[in-house]
Structure formats: structure tokens, C-alpha cells
């Protein structure tokens, strides 16, 4: 009987040590917040590292991950650079609450839509060349 009692004491000691150990708690809300902050920083780095002047008419481009803010092209859909605008044309969108307000449109991209070829103006910093 004394041997089982010693085992209990050892087990109690081990459990006490585990309970009092300085183990950092995992806070899922903090981790989610940190992931959002890192995604925001990554998008900032990408939009500032892309120079629209790197594109030429005829280049095939697509949205950079996380930088799509218009209906077309869809994510993964390829568009063709029709024209590079220098200086860029500022969007005349009237509402400062819009993502397109005073947007610096440096590319004219062509897409096939509704059975025809159509062109739209875009901020070239949001795109990447398709290899």
C-alpha cells in the first residue's frame, strides 16, 4: 500500500509542476489580430513595390493577391495591357468614401466581356505580370 501512495505523491508532484509551469496561453483573438496586421503590412509592401512603369502594352497581368477592388477582372483572370498612362489619370469618382476616389489609374486593361473586347482604367500597382 505504501508503494501506491508514493506513486500518488509523485503523480501529484508532477501535476503540480505542470499546473504551475510558465506556459504561454494561446489567445486565438490575439493570433487572428496579428494575422490581420501581417496581411495588411504585406498588402502595403506589395502595392508600394510594384511600379506600373514595369508593364508594357501586350503584357498579360492579373490582380495581386488581396489587392482586387473592382468587379473585373476576376481573381486569376488574365487581362492584357492596352496602354500605360504617364502621367496617370486620377479617377473623378465624386465620393471620398469610395475606393476609387482620386485613384491613380496608370493602366488601360483589355478584357473579353459580354462577347466583346472592352477596356477599363486601373491602378497598375494592384497588378502583377503573368509569366
N, C-alpha and C. Protein backbone atom coordinates (compact mmCIF):
# COMPACT_ATOMS: atom_id res chain seq x y z
N UNK A 1 0.81 -1.18 0.00
CA UNK A 1 0.00 0.00 0.00
C UNK A 1 0.87 1.26 0.00
N UNK A 2 2.01 1.19 0.64
CA UNK A 2 2.89 2.35 0.69
C UNK A 2 3.46 2.67 -0.70
N UNK A 3 3.68 1.65 -1.56
CA UNK A 3 4.22 1.92 -2.89
C UNK A 3 3.21 2.68 -3.75
N UNK A 4 1.91 2.36 -3.63
CA UNK A 4 0.92 3.10 -4.41
C UNK A 4 0.78 4.52 -3.89
N UNK A 5 0.98 4.71 -2.62
CA UNK A 5 0.92 6.05 -2.05
C UNK A 5 2.08 6.89 -2.56
N UNK A 6 3.28 6.28 -2.69
CA UNK A 6 4.42 7.01 -3.24
C UNK A 6 4.15 7.41 -4.69
N UNK A 7 3.54 6.53 -5.46
CA UNK A 7 3.20 6.84 -6.84
C UNK A 7 2.23 8.02 -6.88
N UNK A 8 1.27 8.02 -5.99
CA UNK A 8 0.33 9.13 -5.93
C UNK A 8 1.04 10.44 -5.62
N UNK A 9 2.00 10.39 -4.71
CA UNK A 9 2.75 11.59 -4.37
C UNK A 9 3.57 12.08 -5.57
N UNK A 10 4.17 11.15 -6.30
CA UNK A 10 4.95 11.52 -7.48
C UNK A 10 4.03 12.12 -8.55
N UNK A 11 2.89 11.48 -8.74
CA UNK A 11 1.92 11.98 -9.71
C UNK A 11 1.41 13.35 -9.32
N UNK A 12 1.12 13.53 -8.04
CA UNK A 12 0.67 14.84 -7.55
C UNK A 12 1.75 15.89 -7.76
N UNK A 13 2.98 15.52 -7.52
CA UNK A 13 4.09 16.45 -7.69
C UNK A 13 4.22 16.84 -9.16
N UNK A 14 4.11 15.86 -10.07
CA UNK A 14 4.21 16.12 -11.49
C UNK A 14 3.06 17.02 -11.96
N UNK A 15 1.86 16.72 -11.53
CA UNK A 15 0.71 17.54 -11.91
C UNK A 15 0.83 18.96 -11.38
N UNK A 16 1.33 19.10 -10.18
CA UNK A 16 1.54 20.43 -9.60
C UNK A 16 2.57 21.20 -10.42
N UNK A 17 3.64 20.52 -10.82
CA UNK A 17 4.68 21.18 -11.61
C UNK A 17 4.12 21.63 -12.96
N UNK A 18 3.31 20.78 -13.59
CA UNK A 18 2.71 21.16 -14.88
C UNK A 18 1.75 22.33 -14.72
N UNK A 19 0.96 22.31 -13.67
CA UNK A 19 -0.02 23.37 -13.45
C UNK A 19 0.64 24.70 -13.15
N UNK A 20 1.79 24.67 -12.50
CA UNK A 20 2.45 25.91 -12.12
C UNK A 20 3.51 26.33 -13.14
N UNK A 21 3.72 25.53 -14.18
CA UNK A 21 4.73 25.87 -15.18
C UNK A 21 4.33 27.15 -15.90
N UNK A 22 5.32 27.91 -16.31
CA UNK A 22 5.08 29.17 -17.01
C UNK A 22 4.93 28.90 -18.50
N UNK A 23 3.76 28.42 -18.91
CA UNK A 23 3.47 28.12 -20.30
C UNK A 23 2.60 29.24 -20.85
N UNK A 24 3.04 29.87 -21.96
CA UNK A 24 2.22 30.96 -22.51
C UNK A 24 0.87 30.44 -22.99
N UNK A 25 -0.15 31.17 -22.65
CA UNK A 25 -1.51 30.81 -23.06
C UNK A 25 -1.69 31.18 -24.53
N UNK A 26 -2.45 30.39 -25.25
CA UNK A 26 -2.75 30.69 -26.64
C UNK A 26 -4.05 31.49 -26.66
N UNK A 27 -3.96 32.69 -27.21
CA UNK A 27 -5.13 33.56 -27.32
C UNK A 27 -5.51 33.64 -28.80
N UNK A 28 -6.55 32.93 -29.22
CA UNK A 28 -6.91 32.92 -30.64
C UNK A 28 -7.26 34.30 -31.18
N UNK A 29 -7.84 35.16 -30.35
CA UNK A 29 -8.18 36.52 -30.82
C UNK A 29 -6.91 37.30 -31.11
N UNK A 30 -5.90 37.14 -30.25
CA UNK A 30 -4.63 37.85 -30.48
C UNK A 30 -3.95 37.32 -31.74
N UNK A 31 -3.96 36.00 -31.93
CA UNK A 31 -3.36 35.43 -33.13
C UNK A 31 -4.08 35.91 -34.38
N UNK A 32 -5.41 35.96 -34.35
CA UNK A 32 -6.18 36.43 -35.51
C UNK A 32 -5.86 37.90 -35.80
N UNK A 33 -5.76 38.70 -34.75
CA UNK A 33 -5.43 40.12 -34.92
C UNK A 33 -4.04 40.27 -35.52
N UNK A 34 -3.08 39.48 -35.05
CA UNK A 34 -1.72 39.55 -35.58
C UNK A 34 -1.66 39.12 -37.04
N UNK A 35 -2.46 38.11 -37.42
CA UNK A 35 -2.52 37.68 -38.81
C UNK A 35 -3.10 38.77 -39.69
N UNK A 36 -4.13 39.47 -39.21
CA UNK A 36 -4.72 40.57 -39.97
C UNK A 36 -3.71 41.71 -40.15
N UNK A 37 -2.97 42.00 -39.10
CA UNK A 37 -1.97 43.06 -39.18
C UNK A 37 -0.87 42.69 -40.17
N UNK A 38 -0.43 41.44 -40.13
CA UNK A 38 0.61 40.99 -41.06
C UNK A 38 0.09 41.02 -42.50
N UNK A 39 -1.16 40.65 -42.73
CA UNK A 39 -1.75 40.71 -44.07
C UNK A 39 -1.82 42.15 -44.56
N UNK A 40 -2.16 43.07 -43.67
CA UNK A 40 -2.22 44.48 -44.01
C UNK A 40 -0.83 45.01 -44.39
N UNK A 41 0.16 44.66 -43.60
CA UNK A 41 1.54 45.09 -43.91
C UNK A 41 2.03 44.49 -45.23
N UNK A 42 1.66 43.23 -45.48
CA UNK A 42 2.06 42.57 -46.71
C UNK A 42 1.43 43.27 -47.92
N UNK A 43 0.15 43.60 -47.84
CA UNK A 43 -0.51 44.31 -48.94
C UNK A 43 0.13 45.67 -49.17
N UNK A 44 0.47 46.37 -48.09
CA UNK A 44 1.14 47.68 -48.21
C UNK A 44 2.48 47.53 -48.92
N UNK A 45 3.25 46.53 -48.52
CA UNK A 45 4.57 46.30 -49.16
C UNK A 45 4.40 46.01 -50.65
N UNK A 46 3.41 45.17 -50.99
CA UNK A 46 3.23 44.80 -52.39
C UNK A 46 2.76 45.96 -53.25
N UNK A 47 1.84 46.77 -52.72
CA UNK A 47 1.33 47.87 -53.54
C UNK A 47 2.40 48.95 -53.73
N UNK A 48 3.33 49.04 -52.79
CA UNK A 48 4.40 50.03 -52.93
C UNK A 48 5.64 49.49 -53.61
N UNK A 49 5.70 48.21 -53.85
CA UNK A 49 6.87 47.65 -54.53
C UNK A 49 6.60 47.45 -56.02
N UNK A 50 5.36 47.59 -56.45
CA UNK A 50 5.01 47.43 -57.86
C UNK A 50 5.00 48.80 -58.52
N UNK A 51 5.73 48.90 -59.62
CA UNK A 51 5.78 50.15 -60.36
C UNK A 51 5.07 49.94 -61.69
N UNK A 52 3.99 50.67 -61.93
CA UNK A 52 3.22 50.48 -63.16
C UNK A 52 4.08 50.63 -64.42
N UNK A 53 5.18 51.37 -64.33
CA UNK A 53 6.04 51.56 -65.50
C UNK A 53 6.70 50.26 -65.95
N UNK A 54 6.65 49.23 -65.10
CA UNK A 54 7.26 47.95 -65.47
C UNK A 54 6.43 47.22 -66.52
N UNK A 55 5.19 47.64 -66.74
CA UNK A 55 4.32 46.98 -67.71
C UNK A 55 4.45 47.65 -69.07
N UNK A 56 4.20 46.85 -70.10
CA UNK A 56 4.22 47.33 -71.48
C UNK A 56 2.94 46.86 -72.16
N UNK A 57 2.46 47.61 -73.18
CA UNK A 57 1.30 47.12 -73.93
C UNK A 57 1.56 45.71 -74.45
N UNK A 58 0.56 44.87 -74.31
CA UNK A 58 0.69 43.47 -74.72
C UNK A 58 0.99 42.53 -73.58
N UNK A 59 1.47 43.08 -72.42
CA UNK A 59 1.73 42.23 -71.25
C UNK A 59 0.42 41.66 -70.73
N UNK A 60 0.50 40.44 -70.24
CA UNK A 60 -0.65 39.83 -69.57
C UNK A 60 -0.49 40.03 -68.08
N UNK A 61 -1.56 40.49 -67.42
CA UNK A 61 -1.50 40.79 -65.99
C UNK A 61 -2.70 40.21 -65.27
N UNK A 62 -2.60 40.12 -63.96
CA UNK A 62 -3.70 39.69 -63.09
C UNK A 62 -3.56 40.43 -61.77
N UNK A 63 -4.65 40.41 -60.98
CA UNK A 63 -4.62 41.06 -59.67
C UNK A 63 -3.54 40.43 -58.79
N UNK A 64 -2.88 41.25 -58.00
CA UNK A 64 -2.04 40.72 -56.94
C UNK A 64 -2.98 40.23 -55.83
N UNK A 65 -2.58 39.18 -55.12
CA UNK A 65 -3.44 38.68 -54.04
C UNK A 65 -3.79 39.77 -53.03
N UNK A 66 -5.06 39.89 -52.72
CA UNK A 66 -5.52 40.83 -51.72
C UNK A 66 -5.67 42.27 -52.19
N UNK A 67 -5.38 42.55 -53.46
CA UNK A 67 -5.44 43.93 -53.94
C UNK A 67 -6.57 44.19 -54.94
N UNK A 68 -7.44 43.23 -55.14
CA UNK A 68 -8.57 43.39 -56.05
C UNK A 68 -9.62 44.30 -55.40
N UNK A 69 -10.07 45.30 -56.13
CA UNK A 69 -11.09 46.20 -55.60
C UNK A 69 -12.10 46.63 -56.66
N UNK A 70 -12.14 45.86 -57.72
CA UNK A 70 -13.10 46.14 -58.78
C UNK A 70 -13.75 44.82 -59.20
N UNK A 71 -14.88 44.95 -59.88
CA UNK A 71 -15.63 43.77 -60.27
C UNK A 71 -14.84 42.88 -61.24
N UNK A 72 -14.20 43.52 -62.22
CA UNK A 72 -13.42 42.77 -63.21
C UNK A 72 -12.00 43.28 -63.24
N UNK A 73 -11.06 42.48 -63.65
CA UNK A 73 -11.15 41.05 -63.91
C UNK A 73 -11.34 40.28 -62.61
N UNK A 74 -11.82 39.06 -62.73
CA UNK A 74 -11.97 38.20 -61.57
C UNK A 74 -10.59 37.78 -61.08
N UNK A 75 -10.49 37.33 -59.83
CA UNK A 75 -9.21 36.82 -59.35
C UNK A 75 -8.77 35.67 -60.23
N UNK A 76 -7.53 35.70 -60.66
CA UNK A 76 -6.98 34.65 -61.51
C UNK A 76 -7.23 34.88 -62.99
N UNK A 77 -8.17 35.75 -63.33
CA UNK A 77 -8.45 36.05 -64.74
C UNK A 77 -7.34 36.95 -65.28
N UNK A 78 -6.96 36.68 -66.50
CA UNK A 78 -5.88 37.43 -67.13
C UNK A 78 -6.45 38.56 -67.99
N UNK A 79 -5.79 39.70 -67.92
CA UNK A 79 -6.14 40.86 -68.76
C UNK A 79 -4.90 41.25 -69.55
N UNK A 80 -5.10 41.98 -70.63
CA UNK A 80 -3.97 42.43 -71.45
C UNK A 80 -3.80 43.94 -71.26
N UNK A 81 -2.54 44.38 -71.13
CA UNK A 81 -2.25 45.81 -71.02
C UNK A 81 -2.42 46.40 -72.42
N UNK A 82 -3.35 47.35 -72.52
CA UNK A 82 -3.61 48.03 -73.79
C UNK A 82 -2.77 49.30 -73.87
N UNK A 83 -2.68 50.00 -72.73
CA UNK A 83 -1.96 51.28 -72.71
C UNK A 83 -1.44 51.55 -71.31
N UNK A 84 -0.26 52.15 -71.23
CA UNK A 84 0.32 52.62 -69.96
C UNK A 84 0.20 54.14 -69.96
N UNK A 85 -0.42 54.69 -68.95
CA UNK A 85 -0.70 56.13 -68.89
C UNK A 85 0.35 56.84 -68.04
N UNK A 86 1.04 57.80 -68.65
CA UNK A 86 2.03 58.58 -67.92
C UNK A 86 1.87 60.04 -68.33
N UNK A 87 1.35 60.87 -67.47
CA UNK A 87 1.02 60.65 -66.07
C UNK A 87 -0.29 59.87 -65.93
N UNK A 88 -0.47 59.25 -64.78
CA UNK A 88 -1.72 58.53 -64.54
C UNK A 88 -2.91 59.48 -64.53
N UNK A 89 -4.07 58.95 -64.82
CA UNK A 89 -5.31 59.71 -64.80
C UNK A 89 -5.96 59.49 -63.43
N UNK A 90 -6.31 60.58 -62.76
CA UNK A 90 -6.98 60.45 -61.47
C UNK A 90 -8.45 60.21 -61.69
N UNK A 91 -8.98 59.25 -60.96
CA UNK A 91 -10.40 58.93 -61.06
C UNK A 91 -11.21 60.14 -60.63
N UNK A 92 -12.29 60.39 -61.33
CA UNK A 92 -13.16 61.51 -61.00
C UNK A 92 -14.33 61.09 -60.13
N UNK A 93 -14.21 59.96 -59.45
CA UNK A 93 -15.31 59.48 -58.62
C UNK A 93 -15.65 60.55 -57.58
N UNK A 94 -16.93 60.93 -57.45
CA UNK A 94 -17.30 62.05 -56.59
C UNK A 94 -17.29 61.78 -55.08
N UNK A 95 -17.30 60.52 -54.67
CA UNK A 95 -17.43 60.23 -53.24
C UNK A 95 -16.10 59.83 -52.61
N UNK A 96 -15.71 60.57 -51.57
CA UNK A 96 -14.46 60.25 -50.88
C UNK A 96 -14.56 58.93 -50.11
N UNK A 97 -15.76 58.38 -49.98
CA UNK A 97 -15.94 57.10 -49.31
C UNK A 97 -15.75 55.92 -50.24
N UNK A 98 -15.47 56.18 -51.51
CA UNK A 98 -15.28 55.12 -52.49
C UNK A 98 -13.81 54.73 -52.59
N UNK A 99 -13.55 53.46 -52.87
CA UNK A 99 -12.16 53.02 -53.08
C UNK A 99 -11.60 53.59 -54.37
N UNK A 100 -12.44 54.15 -55.22
CA UNK A 100 -11.99 54.70 -56.49
C UNK A 100 -11.80 56.21 -56.46
N UNK A 101 -12.08 56.85 -55.32
CA UNK A 101 -11.94 58.31 -55.19
C UNK A 101 -10.47 58.70 -55.40
N UNK A 102 -10.23 59.55 -56.38
CA UNK A 102 -8.89 60.05 -56.72
C UNK A 102 -7.86 58.92 -56.93
N UNK A 103 -8.35 57.80 -57.43
CA UNK A 103 -7.46 56.68 -57.71
C UNK A 103 -6.55 57.03 -58.88
N UNK A 104 -5.31 56.65 -58.76
CA UNK A 104 -4.31 56.90 -59.79
C UNK A 104 -4.33 55.77 -60.81
N UNK A 105 -5.05 55.99 -61.92
CA UNK A 105 -5.19 54.95 -62.94
C UNK A 105 -4.05 55.07 -63.94
N UNK A 106 -3.17 54.07 -63.91
CA UNK A 106 -1.98 54.11 -64.76
C UNK A 106 -2.00 53.09 -65.89
N UNK A 107 -2.99 52.20 -65.88
CA UNK A 107 -3.08 51.18 -66.93
C UNK A 107 -4.47 51.16 -67.54
N UNK A 108 -4.51 50.90 -68.83
CA UNK A 108 -5.76 50.57 -69.51
C UNK A 108 -5.64 49.09 -69.83
N UNK A 109 -6.56 48.30 -69.27
CA UNK A 109 -6.53 46.86 -69.47
C UNK A 109 -7.70 46.42 -70.32
N UNK A 110 -7.45 45.44 -71.18
CA UNK A 110 -8.49 44.90 -72.04
C UNK A 110 -8.94 43.53 -71.55
N UNK A 111 -10.27 43.32 -71.61
CA UNK A 111 -10.87 42.06 -71.19
C UNK A 111 -11.97 41.68 -72.17
N UNK A 112 -12.18 40.40 -72.32
CA UNK A 112 -13.33 39.92 -73.10
C UNK A 112 -14.51 39.83 -72.16
N UNK A 113 -15.55 40.60 -72.43
CA UNK A 113 -16.77 40.62 -71.63
C UNK A 113 -17.97 40.73 -72.55
N UNK A 114 -18.99 39.96 -72.24
CA UNK A 114 -20.26 40.03 -72.97
C UNK A 114 -20.06 39.91 -74.48
N UNK A 115 -19.18 39.01 -74.89
CA UNK A 115 -18.97 38.76 -76.31
C UNK A 115 -18.12 39.78 -77.03
N UNK A 116 -17.51 40.71 -76.31
CA UNK A 116 -16.68 41.72 -76.96
C UNK A 116 -15.46 42.07 -76.14
N UNK A 117 -14.57 42.81 -76.75
CA UNK A 117 -13.34 43.26 -76.09
C UNK A 117 -13.59 44.65 -75.52
N UNK A 118 -13.42 44.81 -74.21
CA UNK A 118 -13.68 46.09 -73.54
C UNK A 118 -12.44 46.51 -72.76
N UNK A 119 -12.30 47.82 -72.60
CA UNK A 119 -11.14 48.36 -71.88
C UNK A 119 -11.60 49.16 -70.66
N UNK A 120 -10.84 49.03 -69.57
CA UNK A 120 -11.08 49.79 -68.35
C UNK A 120 -9.76 50.33 -67.83
N UNK A 121 -9.85 51.39 -67.04
CA UNK A 121 -8.68 52.01 -66.42
C UNK A 121 -8.48 51.43 -65.02
N UNK A 122 -7.21 51.18 -64.66
CA UNK A 122 -6.88 50.59 -63.36
C UNK A 122 -5.61 51.19 -62.79
N UNK A 123 -5.48 51.03 -61.49
CA UNK A 123 -4.25 51.39 -60.78
C UNK A 123 -3.26 50.24 -61.01
N UNK A 124 -2.21 50.49 -61.74
CA UNK A 124 -1.26 49.44 -62.11
C UNK A 124 -0.53 48.82 -60.93
N UNK A 125 -0.48 49.50 -59.80
CA UNK A 125 0.21 48.94 -58.63
C UNK A 125 -0.50 47.71 -58.09
N UNK A 126 -1.75 47.52 -58.46
CA UNK A 126 -2.54 46.40 -57.93
C UNK A 126 -2.37 45.12 -58.76
N UNK A 127 -1.58 45.18 -59.84
CA UNK A 127 -1.46 44.05 -60.74
C UNK A 127 -0.04 43.48 -60.76
N UNK A 128 0.04 42.24 -61.23
CA UNK A 128 1.33 41.59 -61.42
C UNK A 128 1.34 40.97 -62.81
N UNK A 129 2.54 40.87 -63.38
CA UNK A 129 2.69 40.27 -64.70
C UNK A 129 2.48 38.77 -64.60
N UNK A 130 1.82 38.21 -65.60
CA UNK A 130 1.63 36.76 -65.67
C UNK A 130 2.80 36.21 -66.48
N UNK A 131 3.47 35.24 -65.90
CA UNK A 131 4.66 34.67 -66.57
C UNK A 131 4.29 33.79 -67.73
